[in-house]
PDB file of N, CA and C in Angstrom:
ATOM      1  N   UNK A   1     -39.756  45.896 -38.806  1.00  0.00           N
ATOM      2  CA  UNK A   1     -38.368  45.952 -38.464  1.00  0.00           C
ATOM      3  C   UNK A   1     -37.530  45.853 -39.738  1.00  0.00           C
ATOM      4  N   UNK A   2     -36.522  46.720 -39.845  1.00  0.00           N
ATOM      5  CA  UNK A   2     -35.694  46.750 -41.042  1.00  0.00           C
ATOM      6  C   UNK A   2     -34.647  45.641 -40.990  1.00  0.00           C
ATOM      7  N   UNK A   3     -34.312  45.090 -42.146  1.00  0.00           N
ATOM      8  CA  UNK A   3     -33.269  44.056 -42.161  1.00  0.00           C
ATOM      9  C   UNK A   3     -31.899  44.662 -41.846  1.00  0.00           C
ATOM     10  N   UNK A   4     -31.068  43.848 -41.248  1.00  0.00           N
ATOM     11  CA  UNK A   4     -29.711  44.282 -40.900  1.00  0.00           C
ATOM     12  C   UNK A   4     -28.807  44.192 -42.115  1.00  0.00           C
ATOM     13  N   UNK A   5     -28.043  45.263 -42.353  1.00  0.00           N
ATOM     14  CA  UNK A   5     -27.078  45.272 -43.445  1.00  0.00           C
ATOM     15  C   UNK A   5     -25.684  45.373 -42.844  1.00  0.00           C
ATOM     16  N   UNK A   6     -24.811  44.444 -43.138  1.00  0.00           N
ATOM     17  CA  UNK A   6     -23.452  44.511 -42.582  1.00  0.00           C
ATOM     18  C   UNK A   6     -22.689  45.695 -43.167  1.00  0.00           C
ATOM     19  N   UNK A   7     -21.698  46.194 -42.439  1.00  0.00           N
ATOM     20  CA  UNK A   7     -20.919  47.321 -42.964  1.00  0.00           C
ATOM     21  C   UNK A   7     -20.078  46.880 -44.157  1.00  0.00           C
ATOM     22  N   UNK A   8     -19.629  47.829 -44.958  1.00  0.00           N
ATOM     23  CA  UNK A   8     -18.763  47.471 -46.081  1.00  0.00           C
ATOM     24  C   UNK A   8     -17.460  46.837 -45.563  1.00  0.00           C
ATOM     25  N   UNK A   9     -16.869  45.960 -46.337  1.00  0.00           N
ATOM     26  CA  UNK A   9     -15.644  45.287 -45.881  1.00  0.00           C
ATOM     27  C   UNK A   9     -14.506  46.239 -45.527  1.00  0.00           C
ATOM     28  N   UNK A  10     -14.369  47.329 -46.273  1.00  0.00           N
ATOM     29  CA  UNK A  10     -13.280  48.262 -45.973  1.00  0.00           C
ATOM     30  C   UNK A  10     -13.475  48.929 -44.620  1.00  0.00           C
ATOM     31  N   UNK A  11     -14.720  49.196 -44.245  1.00  0.00           N
ATOM     32  CA  UNK A  11     -14.998  49.831 -42.967  1.00  0.00           C
ATOM     33  C   UNK A  11     -14.739  48.868 -41.814  1.00  0.00           C
ATOM     34  N   UNK A  12     -15.100  47.614 -41.999  1.00  0.00           N
ATOM     35  CA  UNK A  12     -14.831  46.617 -40.970  1.00  0.00           C
ATOM     36  C   UNK A  12     -13.327  46.412 -40.798  1.00  0.00           C
ATOM     37  N   UNK A  13     -12.594  46.380 -41.911  1.00  0.00           N
ATOM     38  CA  UNK A  13     -11.137  46.239 -41.840  1.00  0.00           C
ATOM     39  C   UNK A  13     -10.506  47.448 -41.149  1.00  0.00           C
ATOM     40  N   UNK A  14     -11.012  48.636 -41.433  1.00  0.00           N
ATOM     41  CA  UNK A  14     -10.511  49.845 -40.791  1.00  0.00           C
ATOM     42  C   UNK A  14     -10.749  49.793 -39.279  1.00  0.00           C
ATOM     43  N   UNK A  15     -11.909  49.324 -38.869  1.00  0.00           N
ATOM     44  CA  UNK A  15     -12.221  49.207 -37.448  1.00  0.00           C
ATOM     45  C   UNK A  15     -11.307  48.228 -36.734  1.00  0.00           C
ATOM     46  N   UNK A  16     -11.088  47.060 -37.332  1.00  0.00           N
ATOM     47  CA  UNK A  16     -10.202  46.070 -36.711  1.00  0.00           C
ATOM     48  C   UNK A  16      -8.763  46.569 -36.664  1.00  0.00           C
ATOM     49  N   UNK A  17      -8.340  47.262 -37.704  1.00  0.00           N
ATOM     50  CA  UNK A  17      -6.985  47.819 -37.719  1.00  0.00           C
ATOM     51  C   UNK A  17      -6.826  48.873 -36.631  1.00  0.00           C
ATOM     52  N   UNK A  18      -7.832  49.708 -36.465  1.00  0.00           N
ATOM     53  CA  UNK A  18      -7.800  50.731 -35.427  1.00  0.00           C
ATOM     54  C   UNK A  18      -7.713  50.099 -34.030  1.00  0.00           C
ATOM     55  N   UNK A  19      -8.483  49.050 -33.815  1.00  0.00           N
ATOM     56  CA  UNK A  19      -8.421  48.357 -32.522  1.00  0.00           C
ATOM     57  C   UNK A  19      -7.057  47.715 -32.288  1.00  0.00           C
ATOM     58  N   UNK A  20      -6.464  47.156 -33.325  1.00  0.00           N
ATOM     59  CA  UNK A  20      -5.149  46.523 -33.183  1.00  0.00           C
ATOM     60  C   UNK A  20      -4.069  47.560 -32.878  1.00  0.00           C
ATOM     61  N   UNK A  21      -4.130  48.701 -33.538  1.00  0.00           N
ATOM     62  CA  UNK A  21      -3.148  49.763 -33.299  1.00  0.00           C
ATOM     63  C   UNK A  21      -3.303  50.326 -31.888  1.00  0.00           C
ATOM     64  N   UNK A  22      -4.537  50.507 -31.439  1.00  0.00           N
ATOM     65  CA  UNK A  22      -4.772  51.012 -30.088  1.00  0.00           C
ATOM     66  C   UNK A  22      -4.264  50.019 -29.041  1.00  0.00           C
ATOM     67  N   UNK A  23      -4.510  48.741 -29.257  1.00  0.00           N
ATOM     68  CA  UNK A  23      -4.028  47.731 -28.308  1.00  0.00           C
ATOM     69  C   UNK A  23      -2.497  47.681 -28.300  1.00  0.00           C
ATOM     70  N   UNK A  24      -1.875  47.794 -29.463  1.00  0.00           N
ATOM     71  CA  UNK A  24      -0.417  47.803 -29.533  1.00  0.00           C
ATOM     72  C   UNK A  24       0.153  49.024 -28.819  1.00  0.00           C
ATOM     73  N   UNK A  25      -0.513  50.159 -28.917  1.00  0.00           N
ATOM     74  CA  UNK A  25      -0.066  51.366 -28.217  1.00  0.00           C
ATOM     75  C   UNK A  25      -0.151  51.174 -26.705  1.00  0.00           C
ATOM     76  N   UNK A  26      -1.245  50.595 -26.241  1.00  0.00           N
ATOM     77  CA  UNK A  26      -1.393  50.343 -24.802  1.00  0.00           C
ATOM     78  C   UNK A  26      -0.341  49.351 -24.312  1.00  0.00           C
ATOM     79  N   UNK A  27      -0.077  48.309 -25.086  1.00  0.00           N
ATOM     80  CA  UNK A  27       0.943  47.333 -24.697  1.00  0.00           C
ATOM     81  C   UNK A  27       2.338  47.943 -24.704  1.00  0.00           C
ATOM     82  N   UNK A  28       2.594  48.859 -25.619  1.00  0.00           N
ATOM     83  CA  UNK A  28       3.895  49.539 -25.652  1.00  0.00           C
ATOM     84  C   UNK A  28       4.094  50.378 -24.396  1.00  0.00           C
ATOM     85  N   UNK A  29       3.051  51.049 -23.954  1.00  0.00           N
ATOM     86  CA  UNK A  29       3.145  51.861 -22.737  1.00  0.00           C
ATOM     87  C   UNK A  29       3.343  50.974 -21.515  1.00  0.00           C
ATOM     88  N   UNK A  30       2.569  49.900 -21.417  1.00  0.00           N
ATOM     89  CA  UNK A  30       2.714  48.983 -20.277  1.00  0.00           C
ATOM     90  C   UNK A  30       4.107  48.356 -20.278  1.00  0.00           C
ATOM     91  N   UNK A  31       4.588  47.963 -21.443  1.00  0.00           N
ATOM     92  CA  UNK A  31       5.925  47.384 -21.538  1.00  0.00           C
ATOM     93  C   UNK A  31       7.003  48.370 -21.137  1.00  0.00           C
ATOM     94  N   UNK A  32       6.831  49.621 -21.514  1.00  0.00           N
ATOM     95  CA  UNK A  32       7.797  50.644 -21.154  1.00  0.00           C
ATOM     96  C   UNK A  32       7.840  50.858 -19.644  1.00  0.00           C
ATOM     97  N   UNK A  33       6.681  50.813 -19.004  1.00  0.00           N
ATOM     98  CA  UNK A  33       6.633  51.025 -17.556  1.00  0.00           C
ATOM     99  C   UNK A  33       7.123  49.808 -16.784  1.00  0.00           C
ATOM    100  N   UNK A  34       6.839  48.614 -17.268  1.00  0.00           N
ATOM    101  CA  UNK A  34       7.203  47.422 -16.500  1.00  0.00           C
ATOM    102  C   UNK A  34       8.562  46.855 -16.888  1.00  0.00           C
ATOM    103  N   UNK A  35       8.806  46.657 -18.165  1.00  0.00           N
ATOM    104  CA  UNK A  35      10.049  46.021 -18.597  1.00  0.00           C
ATOM    105  C   UNK A  35      11.242  46.969 -18.577  1.00  0.00           C
ATOM    106  N   UNK A  36      11.032  48.210 -18.987  1.00  0.00           N
ATOM    107  CA  UNK A  36      12.141  49.156 -19.039  1.00  0.00           C
ATOM    108  C   UNK A  36      12.278  49.956 -17.753  1.00  0.00           C
ATOM    109  N   UNK A  37      11.283  49.876 -16.870  1.00  0.00           N
ATOM    110  CA  UNK A  37      11.377  50.510 -15.563  1.00  0.00           C
ATOM    111  C   UNK A  37      11.093  52.002 -15.530  1.00  0.00           C
ATOM    112  N   UNK A  38      10.427  52.530 -16.555  1.00  0.00           N
ATOM    113  CA  UNK A  38      10.067  53.935 -16.528  1.00  0.00           C
ATOM    114  C   UNK A  38       8.794  54.110 -15.710  1.00  0.00           C
ATOM    115  N   UNK A  39       8.964  54.217 -14.406  1.00  0.00           N
ATOM    116  CA  UNK A  39       7.835  54.318 -13.483  1.00  0.00           C
ATOM    117  C   UNK A  39       7.317  55.749 -13.435  1.00  0.00           C
ATOM    118  N   UNK A  40       6.041  55.886 -13.189  1.00  0.00           N
ATOM    119  CA  UNK A  40       5.415  57.196 -13.058  1.00  0.00           C
ATOM    120  C   UNK A  40       5.451  57.632 -11.607  1.00  0.00           C
ATOM    121  N   UNK A  41       5.404  58.925 -11.379  1.00  0.00           N
ATOM    122  CA  UNK A  41       5.437  59.434 -10.000  1.00  0.00           C
ATOM    123  C   UNK A  41       4.153  59.097  -9.240  1.00  0.00           C
ATOM    124  N   UNK A  42       3.030  59.160  -9.940  1.00  0.00           N
ATOM    125  CA  UNK A  42       1.743  58.876  -9.296  1.00  0.00           C
ATOM    126  C   UNK A  42       1.257  57.509  -9.759  1.00  0.00           C
ATOM    127  N   UNK A  43       0.826  56.673  -8.827  1.00  0.00           N
ATOM    128  CA  UNK A  43       0.428  55.302  -9.159  1.00  0.00           C
ATOM    129  C   UNK A  43      -0.749  55.261 -10.131  1.00  0.00           C
ATOM    130  N   UNK A  44      -1.623  56.244 -10.066  1.00  0.00           N
ATOM    131  CA  UNK A  44      -2.812  56.231 -10.914  1.00  0.00           C
ATOM    132  C   UNK A  44      -2.447  56.352 -12.389  1.00  0.00           C
ATOM    133  N   UNK A  45      -1.310  56.976 -12.684  1.00  0.00           N
ATOM    134  CA  UNK A  45      -0.896  57.144 -14.076  1.00  0.00           C
ATOM    135  C   UNK A  45      -0.516  55.807 -14.706  1.00  0.00           C
ATOM    136  N   UNK A  46      -0.230  54.794 -13.892  1.00  0.00           N
ATOM    137  CA  UNK A  46       0.037  53.459 -14.424  1.00  0.00           C
ATOM    138  C   UNK A  46      -1.234  52.850 -15.011  1.00  0.00           C
ATOM    139  N   UNK A  47      -2.372  53.356 -14.608  1.00  0.00           N
ATOM    140  CA  UNK A  47      -3.643  52.930 -15.186  1.00  0.00           C
ATOM    141  C   UNK A  47      -4.124  53.888 -16.266  1.00  0.00           C
ATOM    142  N   UNK A  48      -3.921  55.177 -16.048  1.00  0.00           N
ATOM    143  CA  UNK A  48      -4.451  56.196 -16.951  1.00  0.00           C
ATOM    144  C   UNK A  48      -3.850  56.100 -18.344  1.00  0.00           C
ATOM    145  N   UNK A  49      -2.526  56.005 -18.442  1.00  0.00           N
ATOM    146  CA  UNK A  49      -1.885  55.986 -19.761  1.00  0.00           C
ATOM    147  C   UNK A  49      -2.325  54.793 -20.615  1.00  0.00           C
ATOM    148  N   UNK A  50      -2.287  53.555 -20.109  1.00  0.00           N
ATOM    149  CA  UNK A  50      -2.731  52.441 -20.964  1.00  0.00           C
ATOM    150  C   UNK A  50      -4.218  52.498 -21.321  1.00  0.00           C
ATOM    151  N   UNK A  51      -5.056  52.905 -20.385  1.00  0.00           N
ATOM    152  CA  UNK A  51      -6.491  52.989 -20.685  1.00  0.00           C
ATOM    153  C   UNK A  51      -6.745  54.062 -21.736  1.00  0.00           C
ATOM    154  N   UNK A  52      -6.057  55.190 -21.618  1.00  0.00           N
ATOM    155  CA  UNK A  52      -6.200  56.250 -22.614  1.00  0.00           C
ATOM    156  C   UNK A  52      -5.750  55.763 -23.986  1.00  0.00           C
ATOM    157  N   UNK A  53      -4.696  54.952 -24.029  1.00  0.00           N
ATOM    158  CA  UNK A  53      -4.195  54.434 -25.300  1.00  0.00           C
ATOM    159  C   UNK A  53      -5.210  53.515 -25.972  1.00  0.00           C
ATOM    160  N   UNK A  54      -6.094  52.910 -25.204  1.00  0.00           N
ATOM    161  CA  UNK A  54      -7.090  52.028 -25.807  1.00  0.00           C
ATOM    162  C   UNK A  54      -8.104  52.782 -26.665  1.00  0.00           C
ATOM    163  N   UNK A  55      -8.314  54.069 -26.392  1.00  0.00           N
ATOM    164  CA  UNK A  55      -9.243  54.805 -27.253  1.00  0.00           C
ATOM    165  C   UNK A  55      -8.568  55.927 -28.038  1.00  0.00           C
ATOM    166  N   UNK A  56      -7.364  56.350 -27.644  1.00  0.00           N
ATOM    167  CA  UNK A  56      -6.638  57.372 -28.413  1.00  0.00           C
ATOM    168  C   UNK A  56      -5.581  56.765 -29.321  1.00  0.00           C
ATOM    169  N   UNK A  57      -5.169  55.553 -29.030  1.00  0.00           N
ATOM    170  CA  UNK A  57      -4.186  54.870 -29.867  1.00  0.00           C
ATOM    171  C   UNK A  57      -2.829  55.544 -29.869  1.00  0.00           C
ATOM    172  N   UNK A  58      -2.260  55.746 -31.048  1.00  0.00           N
ATOM    173  CA  UNK A  58      -0.913  56.310 -31.138  1.00  0.00           C
ATOM    174  C   UNK A  58      -0.786  57.725 -30.563  1.00  0.00           C
ATOM    175  N   UNK A  59      -1.863  58.477 -30.525  1.00  0.00           N
ATOM    176  CA  UNK A  59      -1.804  59.821 -29.937  1.00  0.00           C
ATOM    177  C   UNK A  59      -1.460  59.732 -28.454  1.00  0.00           C
ATOM    178  N   UNK A  60      -2.021  58.776 -27.746  1.00  0.00           N
ATOM    179  CA  UNK A  60      -1.709  58.594 -26.328  1.00  0.00           C
ATOM    180  C   UNK A  60      -0.260  58.165 -26.153  1.00  0.00           C
ATOM    181  N   UNK A  61       0.226  57.334 -27.044  1.00  0.00           N
ATOM    182  CA  UNK A  61       1.629  56.916 -26.989  1.00  0.00           C
ATOM    183  C   UNK A  61       2.539  58.112 -27.207  1.00  0.00           C
ATOM    184  N   UNK A  62       2.177  58.992 -28.111  1.00  0.00           N
ATOM    185  CA  UNK A  62       2.966  60.199 -28.360  1.00  0.00           C
ATOM    186  C   UNK A  62       2.971  61.103 -27.129  1.00  0.00           C
ATOM    187  N   UNK A  63       1.816  61.318 -26.504  1.00  0.00           N
ATOM    188  CA  UNK A  63       1.746  62.139 -25.297  1.00  0.00           C
ATOM    189  C   UNK A  63       2.538  61.503 -24.157  1.00  0.00           C
ATOM    190  N   UNK A  64       2.487  60.192 -24.052  1.00  0.00           N
ATOM    191  CA  UNK A  64       3.227  59.489 -23.008  1.00  0.00           C
ATOM    192  C   UNK A  64       4.730  59.682 -23.199  1.00  0.00           C
ATOM    193  N   UNK A  65       5.203  59.581 -24.429  1.00  0.00           N
ATOM    194  CA  UNK A  65       6.626  59.716 -24.684  1.00  0.00           C
ATOM    195  C   UNK A  65       7.090  61.168 -24.599  1.00  0.00           C
ATOM    196  N   UNK A  66       6.210  62.111 -24.865  1.00  0.00           N
ATOM    197  CA  UNK A  66       6.587  63.527 -24.780  1.00  0.00           C
ATOM    198  C   UNK A  66       6.838  63.934 -23.345  1.00  0.00           C
ATOM    199  N   UNK A  67       6.123  63.330 -22.414  1.00  0.00           N
ATOM    200  CA  UNK A  67       6.316  63.649 -20.998  1.00  0.00           C
ATOM    201  C   UNK A  67       5.707  64.988 -20.612  1.00  0.00           C
ATOM    202  N   UNK A  68       5.937  65.400 -19.372  1.00  0.00           N
ATOM    203  CA  UNK A  68       5.359  66.667 -18.919  1.00  0.00           C
ATOM    204  C   UNK A  68       6.061  67.836 -19.597  1.00  0.00           C
ATOM    205  N   UNK A  69       5.384  68.980 -19.679  1.00  0.00           N
ATOM    206  CA  UNK A  69       6.002  70.155 -20.302  1.00  0.00           C
ATOM    207  C   UNK A  69       7.214  70.621 -19.499  1.00  0.00           C
ATOM    208  N   UNK A  70       8.209  71.125 -20.185  1.00  0.00           N
ATOM    209  CA  UNK A  70       9.442  71.593 -19.540  1.00  0.00           C
ATOM    210  C   UNK A  70       9.215  72.992 -18.983  1.00  0.00           C
ATOM    211  N   UNK A  71       9.761  73.221 -17.782  1.00  0.00           N
ATOM    212  CA  UNK A  71       9.649  74.550 -17.157  1.00  0.00           C
ATOM    213  C   UNK A  71      10.602  75.508 -17.860  1.00  0.00           C
ATOM    214  N   UNK A  72      10.202  76.756 -17.930  1.00  0.00           N
ATOM    215  CA  UNK A  72      11.024  77.757 -18.618  1.00  0.00           C
ATOM    216  C   UNK A  72      12.196  78.212 -17.791  1.00  0.00           C
TER     217      UNK A  72
END
């Protein structure tokens, strides 16, 4: 069995930073829906947007704020 080697410090810091940014994005979406009252039309989207933000981070926040495409 090979010995375990920890990741480089910069990589670990990058991972923790990424997790913090993703969590902040999810909290921003939840806060927008609950505190500011921007409710979604479908109840499932109240779960989809924050969960998506946990792995997409700021990209999910950007898609959430952009809203649905405008009709021509």
